[in-house]
């Protein structure tokens, strides 16, 4: 099965770029696309694109390229976007609320079913259709509406403790939006999305150009 393939991380990071582009082509009723066309659109070397897609047993036809529908479907299936995954958001601040309100995530298989916080003014409220619970209610909520993914948007000094609590109640993967590098046990899937690191990169490059 394609989903059992372990890809190099750089390749895995590029696949969603390809999917986003071919989805645009699909909406425009474009039937075929070449690696050269994808290369021009995304500024990724065409030979690298062909190599990345070869991991998924996808090969373009000479002078024709890839069938857009088949490419979009294969990429989406491999990336798991067709399979629903339930998630909790830990930290109902501005970022946490934004993620809970992002209906686009559901298009990629992520179903946020609950949020957790310690602020009494937030407990019992809803963000869109997502209820907010006290973190102490995690075990109870996990029983009623189990999730596998925990999304961390808590303050940095609470990140490790929150991750430990979530994993202790059965969360299998952590998507960390905090600047703190959370440690998890072997077997727990971990992904860091460091907004602040990218912001620092932007500032650094801007300063270098000035």
C-alpha atoms as a PDB file:
ATOM      1  CA  UNK A   1       0.000   0.000   0.000  1.00  0.00           C
ATOM      2  CA  UNK A   2       1.188   3.511  -0.791  1.00  0.00           C
ATOM      3  CA  UNK A   3       0.432   4.712   2.726  1.00  0.00           C
ATOM      4  CA  UNK A   4       3.040   2.320   4.128  1.00  0.00           C
ATOM      5  CA  UNK A   5       5.829   3.977   2.150  1.00  0.00           C
ATOM      6  CA  UNK A   6       8.279   5.942   4.300  1.00  0.00           C
ATOM      7  CA  UNK A   7       9.301   8.975   2.271  1.00  0.00           C
ATOM      8  CA  UNK A   8      12.229  11.324   2.889  1.00  0.00           C
ATOM      9  CA  UNK A   9      10.908  14.275   4.890  1.00  0.00           C
ATOM     10  CA  UNK A  10      11.790  16.896   2.206  1.00  0.00           C
ATOM     11  CA  UNK A  11       9.760  14.915  -0.321  1.00  0.00           C
ATOM     12  CA  UNK A  12       6.825  14.620   2.070  1.00  0.00           C
ATOM     13  CA  UNK A  13       6.898  18.384   2.625  1.00  0.00           C
ATOM     14  CA  UNK A  14       6.735  19.039  -1.120  1.00  0.00           C
ATOM     15  CA  UNK A  15       3.840  16.694  -1.922  1.00  0.00           C
ATOM     16  CA  UNK A  16       1.140  19.046  -0.531  1.00  0.00           C
ATOM     17  CA  UNK A  17       2.521  21.799  -2.814  1.00  0.00           C
ATOM     18  CA  UNK A  18       1.984  19.539  -5.803  1.00  0.00           C
ATOM     19  CA  UNK A  19      -1.507  18.621  -4.612  1.00  0.00           C
ATOM     20  CA  UNK A  20      -2.524  22.259  -4.131  1.00  0.00           C
ATOM     21  CA  UNK A  21      -1.371  23.085  -7.652  1.00  0.00           C
ATOM     22  CA  UNK A  22      -3.030  20.132  -9.381  1.00  0.00           C
ATOM     23  CA  UNK A  23      -6.250  20.824  -7.454  1.00  0.00           C
ATOM     24  CA  UNK A  24      -6.235  24.284  -9.065  1.00  0.00           C
ATOM     25  CA  UNK A  25      -5.715  22.687 -12.475  1.00  0.00           C
ATOM     26  CA  UNK A  26      -8.484  20.185 -11.773  1.00  0.00           C
ATOM     27  CA  UNK A  27     -10.895  23.031 -10.970  1.00  0.00           C
ATOM     28  CA  UNK A  28      -9.966  24.554 -14.337  1.00  0.00           C
ATOM     29  CA  UNK A  29     -10.717  21.247 -16.106  1.00  0.00           C
ATOM     30  CA  UNK A  30      -7.089  20.801 -17.160  1.00  0.00           C
ATOM     31  CA  UNK A  31      -6.563  17.131 -18.054  1.00  0.00           C
ATOM     32  CA  UNK A  32      -2.767  16.755 -18.094  1.00  0.00           C
ATOM     33  CA  UNK A  33       0.211  18.465 -16.497  1.00  0.00           C
ATOM     34  CA  UNK A  34       3.935  17.919 -16.951  1.00  0.00           C
ATOM     35  CA  UNK A  35       6.653  18.066 -14.317  1.00  0.00           C
ATOM     36  CA  UNK A  36       8.026  21.065 -16.235  1.00  0.00           C
ATOM     37  CA  UNK A  37       4.727  22.924 -15.795  1.00  0.00           C
ATOM     38  CA  UNK A  38       4.655  22.093 -12.097  1.00  0.00           C
ATOM     39  CA  UNK A  39       8.272  23.193 -11.875  1.00  0.00           C
ATOM     40  CA  UNK A  40       7.528  26.607 -13.379  1.00  0.00           C
ATOM     41  CA  UNK A  41       4.543  27.116 -11.083  1.00  0.00           C
ATOM     42  CA  UNK A  42       6.227  26.057  -7.839  1.00  0.00           C
ATOM     43  CA  UNK A  43       9.899  26.808  -8.505  1.00  0.00           C
ATOM     44  CA  UNK A  44      10.941  23.211  -7.820  1.00  0.00           C
ATOM     45  CA  UNK A  45      13.328  21.461 -10.198  1.00  0.00           C
ATOM     46  CA  UNK A  46      11.414  19.281 -12.670  1.00  0.00           C
ATOM     47  CA  UNK A  47      13.714  16.307 -12.104  1.00  0.00           C
ATOM     48  CA  UNK A  48      13.057  16.577  -8.360  1.00  0.00           C
ATOM     49  CA  UNK A  49       9.308  16.569  -8.972  1.00  0.00           C
ATOM     50  CA  UNK A  50       9.581  13.456 -11.126  1.00  0.00           C
ATOM     51  CA  UNK A  51      11.693  11.772  -8.455  1.00  0.00           C
ATOM     52  CA  UNK A  52       9.236  12.721  -5.694  1.00  0.00           C
ATOM     53  CA  UNK A  53       6.272  11.367  -7.623  1.00  0.00           C
ATOM     54  CA  UNK A  54       8.124   8.185  -8.508  1.00  0.00           C
ATOM     55  CA  UNK A  55       7.974   7.220  -4.807  1.00  0.00           C
ATOM     56  CA  UNK A  56       4.217   6.964  -5.330  1.00  0.00           C
ATOM     57  CA  UNK A  57       4.701   4.870  -8.501  1.00  0.00           C
ATOM     58  CA  UNK A  58       3.531   7.819 -10.572  1.00  0.00           C
ATOM     59  CA  UNK A  59       5.174   8.298 -13.934  1.00  0.00           C
ATOM     60  CA  UNK A  60       4.234  10.876 -16.516  1.00  0.00           C
ATOM     61  CA  UNK A  61       3.772  10.023 -20.184  1.00  0.00           C
ATOM     62  CA  UNK A  62       6.192  11.483 -22.698  1.00  0.00           C
ATOM     63  CA  UNK A  63       4.874  14.750 -24.200  1.00  0.00           C
ATOM     64  CA  UNK A  64       1.653  14.413 -22.210  1.00  0.00           C
ATOM     65  CA  UNK A  65       2.637  14.413 -18.558  1.00  0.00           C
ATOM     66  CA  UNK A  66       0.473  13.250 -15.669  1.00  0.00           C
ATOM     67  CA  UNK A  67      -3.296  12.856 -15.690  1.00  0.00           C
ATOM     68  CA  UNK A  68      -4.451  15.630 -13.359  1.00  0.00           C
ATOM     69  CA  UNK A  69      -7.384  13.693 -11.836  1.00  0.00           C
ATOM     70  CA  UNK A  70      -5.260  10.619 -11.129  1.00  0.00           C
ATOM     71  CA  UNK A  71      -2.404  12.720  -9.753  1.00  0.00           C
ATOM     72  CA  UNK A  72      -4.703  14.659  -7.421  1.00  0.00           C
ATOM     73  CA  UNK A  73      -6.418  11.506  -6.190  1.00  0.00           C
ATOM     74  CA  UNK A  74      -3.172   9.586  -5.598  1.00  0.00           C
ATOM     75  CA  UNK A  75      -1.533  12.485  -3.761  1.00  0.00           C
ATOM     76  CA  UNK A  76      -4.573  13.080  -1.576  1.00  0.00           C
ATOM     77  CA  UNK A  77      -4.907   9.382  -0.719  1.00  0.00           C
ATOM     78  CA  UNK A  78      -1.224   9.020   0.088  1.00  0.00           C
ATOM     79  CA  UNK A  79      -1.149  12.110   2.281  1.00  0.00           C
ATOM     80  CA  UNK A  80      -4.145  10.816   4.230  1.00  0.00           C
ATOM     81  CA  UNK A  81      -6.387  13.747   3.359  1.00  0.00           C
ATOM     82  CA  UNK A  82      -9.303  11.476   2.454  1.00  0.00           C
ATOM     83  CA  UNK A  83      -9.208   9.746   5.846  1.00  0.00           C
ATOM     84  CA  UNK A  84     -10.819  11.669   8.737  1.00  0.00           C
ATOM     85  CA  UNK A  85      -8.685  12.193  11.840  1.00  0.00           C
ATOM     86  CA  UNK A  86     -10.175  13.622  15.017  1.00  0.00           C
ATOM     87  CA  UNK A  87      -8.169  16.205  16.928  1.00  0.00           C
ATOM     88  CA  UNK A  88      -8.250  18.338  20.069  1.00  0.00           C
ATOM     89  CA  UNK A  89      -6.889  21.867  20.354  1.00  0.00           C
ATOM     90  CA  UNK A  90      -5.106  22.587  23.630  1.00  0.00           C
ATOM     91  CA  UNK A  91      -5.204  26.319  24.268  1.00  0.00           C
ATOM     92  CA  UNK A  92      -8.259  28.340  23.222  1.00  0.00           C
ATOM     93  CA  UNK A  93      -6.416  31.604  22.633  1.00  0.00           C
ATOM     94  CA  UNK A  94      -6.397  33.521  19.363  1.00  0.00           C
ATOM     95  CA  UNK A  95      -4.383  30.902  17.455  1.00  0.00           C
ATOM     96  CA  UNK A  96      -6.315  27.971  18.890  1.00  0.00           C
ATOM     97  CA  UNK A  97      -9.615  29.621  18.047  1.00  0.00           C
ATOM     98  CA  UNK A  98      -8.435  30.382  14.531  1.00  0.00           C
ATOM     99  CA  UNK A  99      -7.615  26.715  13.973  1.00  0.00           C
ATOM    100  CA  UNK A 100     -10.971  25.635  15.398  1.00  0.00           C
ATOM    101  CA  UNK A 101     -12.732  28.009  13.017  1.00  0.00           C
ATOM    102  CA  UNK A 102     -10.690  26.971   9.977  1.00  0.00           C
ATOM    103  CA  UNK A 103     -13.232  24.922   8.034  1.00  0.00           C
ATOM    104  CA  UNK A 104     -10.592  24.283   5.382  1.00  0.00           C
ATOM    105  CA  UNK A 105      -8.811  21.813   7.643  1.00  0.00           C
ATOM    106  CA  UNK A 106     -11.727  19.420   7.320  1.00  0.00           C
ATOM    107  CA  UNK A 107     -11.074  19.291   3.577  1.00  0.00           C
ATOM    108  CA  UNK A 108      -7.752  17.688   4.454  1.00  0.00           C
ATOM    109  CA  UNK A 109      -9.178  15.123   6.860  1.00  0.00           C
ATOM    110  CA  UNK A 110      -8.673  17.029  10.134  1.00  0.00           C
ATOM    111  CA  UNK A 111     -11.801  17.132  12.294  1.00  0.00           C
ATOM    112  CA  UNK A 112     -11.291  19.275  15.408  1.00  0.00           C
ATOM    113  CA  UNK A 113     -13.909  18.008  17.854  1.00  0.00           C
ATOM    114  CA  UNK A 114     -12.935  19.744  21.112  1.00  0.00           C
ATOM    115  CA  UNK A 115     -10.835  22.475  22.610  1.00  0.00           C
ATOM    116  CA  UNK A 116      -9.279  22.606  26.085  1.00  0.00           C
ATOM    117  CA  UNK A 117      -8.259  25.514  28.290  1.00  0.00           C
ATOM    118  CA  UNK A 118      -8.034  26.534  31.954  1.00  0.00           C
ATOM    119  CA  UNK A 119      -9.655  29.976  31.628  1.00  0.00           C
ATOM    120  CA  UNK A 120     -13.054  29.816  33.408  1.00  0.00           C
ATOM    121  CA  UNK A 121     -14.412  32.434  30.981  1.00  0.00           C
ATOM    122  CA  UNK A 122     -13.793  30.058  28.069  1.00  0.00           C
ATOM    123  CA  UNK A 123     -14.907  26.787  29.662  1.00  0.00           C
ATOM    124  CA  UNK A 124     -18.374  25.794  28.475  1.00  0.00           C
ATOM    125  CA  UNK A 125     -18.306  28.097  25.465  1.00  0.00           C
ATOM    126  CA  UNK A 126     -17.985  27.150  21.812  1.00  0.00           C
ATOM    127  CA  UNK A 127     -15.814  28.281  18.938  1.00  0.00           C
ATOM    128  CA  UNK A 128     -18.061  27.693  15.970  1.00  0.00           C
ATOM    129  CA  UNK A 129     -19.334  24.192  16.675  1.00  0.00           C
ATOM    130  CA  UNK A 130     -16.306  23.166  18.763  1.00  0.00           C
ATOM    131  CA  UNK A 131     -16.958  22.992  22.534  1.00  0.00           C
ATOM    132  CA  UNK A 132     -14.325  24.194  25.012  1.00  0.00           C
ATOM    133  CA  UNK A 133     -13.637  22.063  28.080  1.00  0.00           C
ATOM    134  CA  UNK A 134     -11.382  22.376  31.100  1.00  0.00           C
ATOM    135  CA  UNK A 135      -8.214  20.344  30.705  1.00  0.00           C
ATOM    136  CA  UNK A 136      -9.268  18.318  33.744  1.00  0.00           C
ATOM    137  CA  UNK A 137     -12.151  16.949  31.644  1.00  0.00           C
ATOM    138  CA  UNK A 138      -9.812  15.404  29.071  1.00  0.00           C
ATOM    139  CA  UNK A 139     -10.269  11.819  30.255  1.00  0.00           C
ATOM    140  CA  UNK A 140     -14.058  12.134  30.130  1.00  0.00           C
ATOM    141  CA  UNK A 141     -14.070  13.763  26.697  1.00  0.00           C
ATOM    142  CA  UNK A 142     -11.602  11.183  25.403  1.00  0.00           C
ATOM    143  CA  UNK A 143     -14.065   8.468  26.405  1.00  0.00           C
ATOM    144  CA  UNK A 144     -17.022  10.125  24.687  1.00  0.00           C
ATOM    145  CA  UNK A 145     -15.289  11.553  21.612  1.00  0.00           C
ATOM    146  CA  UNK A 146     -11.824  10.030  21.285  1.00  0.00           C
ATOM    147  CA  UNK A 147      -9.175  11.788  19.209  1.00  0.00           C
ATOM    148  CA  UNK A 148      -5.702  10.782  18.065  1.00  0.00           C
ATOM    149  CA  UNK A 149      -4.155  14.205  17.411  1.00  0.00           C
ATOM    150  CA  UNK A 150      -3.415  16.940  19.941  1.00  0.00           C
ATOM    151  CA  UNK A 151      -2.767  20.458  18.648  1.00  0.00           C
ATOM    152  CA  UNK A 152      -0.729  22.590  21.042  1.00  0.00           C
ATOM    153  CA  UNK A 153      -1.390  26.337  21.046  1.00  0.00           C
ATOM    154  CA  UNK A 154      -0.756  26.887  24.759  1.00  0.00           C
ATOM    155  CA  UNK A 155       1.880  29.263  26.190  1.00  0.00           C
ATOM    156  CA  UNK A 156       5.428  27.926  25.809  1.00  0.00           C
ATOM    157  CA  UNK A 157       5.845  27.262  29.534  1.00  0.00           C
ATOM    158  CA  UNK A 158       2.781  24.981  29.477  1.00  0.00           C
ATOM    159  CA  UNK A 159       3.650  23.074  26.314  1.00  0.00           C
ATOM    160  CA  UNK A 160       5.514  20.100  27.790  1.00  0.00           C
ATOM    161  CA  UNK A 161       3.067  19.538  30.647  1.00  0.00           C
ATOM    162  CA  UNK A 162       0.100  19.774  28.280  1.00  0.00           C
ATOM    163  CA  UNK A 163       1.674  17.332  25.836  1.00  0.00           C
ATOM    164  CA  UNK A 164       2.395  14.908  28.673  1.00  0.00           C
ATOM    165  CA  UNK A 165      -1.223  15.092  29.855  1.00  0.00           C
ATOM    166  CA  UNK A 166      -2.587  14.608  26.334  1.00  0.00           C
ATOM    167  CA  UNK A 167      -0.339  11.634  25.612  1.00  0.00           C
ATOM    168  CA  UNK A 168      -1.155  10.158  28.994  1.00  0.00           C
ATOM    169  CA  UNK A 169      -4.835  10.108  28.015  1.00  0.00           C
ATOM    170  CA  UNK A 170      -4.191   8.406  24.682  1.00  0.00           C
ATOM    171  CA  UNK A 171      -3.268  11.090  22.165  1.00  0.00           C
ATOM    172  CA  UNK A 172      -0.996   9.485  19.542  1.00  0.00           C
ATOM    173  CA  UNK A 173       0.296  12.546  17.683  1.00  0.00           C
ATOM    174  CA  UNK A 174       1.244  16.081  18.687  1.00  0.00           C
ATOM    175  CA  UNK A 175       1.100  19.057  16.321  1.00  0.00           C
ATOM    176  CA  UNK A 176       3.050  21.708  18.183  1.00  0.00           C
ATOM    177  CA  UNK A 177       2.507  25.382  17.352  1.00  0.00           C
ATOM    178  CA  UNK A 178       4.414  26.649  20.392  1.00  0.00           C
ATOM    179  CA  UNK A 179       8.055  27.830  20.239  1.00  0.00           C
ATOM    180  CA  UNK A 180       8.999  25.221  22.862  1.00  0.00           C
ATOM    181  CA  UNK A 181      10.530  21.979  21.596  1.00  0.00           C
ATOM    182  CA  UNK A 182       8.329  19.399  23.231  1.00  0.00           C
ATOM    183  CA  UNK A 183       9.783  15.961  24.010  1.00  0.00           C
ATOM    184  CA  UNK A 184       7.651  12.876  23.442  1.00  0.00           C
ATOM    185  CA  UNK A 185       8.144   9.170  23.979  1.00  0.00           C
ATOM    186  CA  UNK A 186       9.099   6.840  21.151  1.00  0.00           C
ATOM    187  CA  UNK A 187       6.038   5.863  19.135  1.00  0.00           C
ATOM    188  CA  UNK A 188       4.338   9.263  19.438  1.00  0.00           C
ATOM    189  CA  UNK A 189       4.161  11.194  16.179  1.00  0.00           C
ATOM    190  CA  UNK A 190       5.558  14.714  16.583  1.00  0.00           C
ATOM    191  CA  UNK A 191       5.417  17.699  14.242  1.00  0.00           C
ATOM    192  CA  UNK A 192       6.540  21.241  15.016  1.00  0.00           C
ATOM    193  CA  UNK A 193       5.132  24.233  13.175  1.00  0.00           C
ATOM    194  CA  UNK A 194       7.219  27.107  14.425  1.00  0.00           C
ATOM    195  CA  UNK A 195       5.549  30.351  13.413  1.00  0.00           C
ATOM    196  CA  UNK A 196       8.146  32.277  15.388  1.00  0.00           C
ATOM    197  CA  UNK A 197      11.087  30.595  13.678  1.00  0.00           C
ATOM    198  CA  UNK A 198       9.709  31.534  10.270  1.00  0.00           C
ATOM    199  CA  UNK A 199       9.023  35.053  11.490  1.00  0.00           C
ATOM    200  CA  UNK A 200      12.632  35.321  12.680  1.00  0.00           C
ATOM    201  CA  UNK A 201      13.771  34.129   9.251  1.00  0.00           C
ATOM    202  CA  UNK A 202      11.698  36.813   7.543  1.00  0.00           C
ATOM    203  CA  UNK A 203      13.059  39.534   9.837  1.00  0.00           C
ATOM    204  CA  UNK A 204      16.614  38.340   9.311  1.00  0.00           C
ATOM    205  CA  UNK A 205      16.263  38.363   5.536  1.00  0.00           C
ATOM    206  CA  UNK A 206      14.614  41.777   5.574  1.00  0.00           C
ATOM    207  CA  UNK A 207      17.421  43.181   7.701  1.00  0.00           C
ATOM    208  CA  UNK A 208      20.025  41.669   5.377  1.00  0.00           C
ATOM    209  CA  UNK A 209      18.410  43.374   2.384  1.00  0.00           C
ATOM    210  CA  UNK A 210      18.203  46.782   4.055  1.00  0.00           C
END
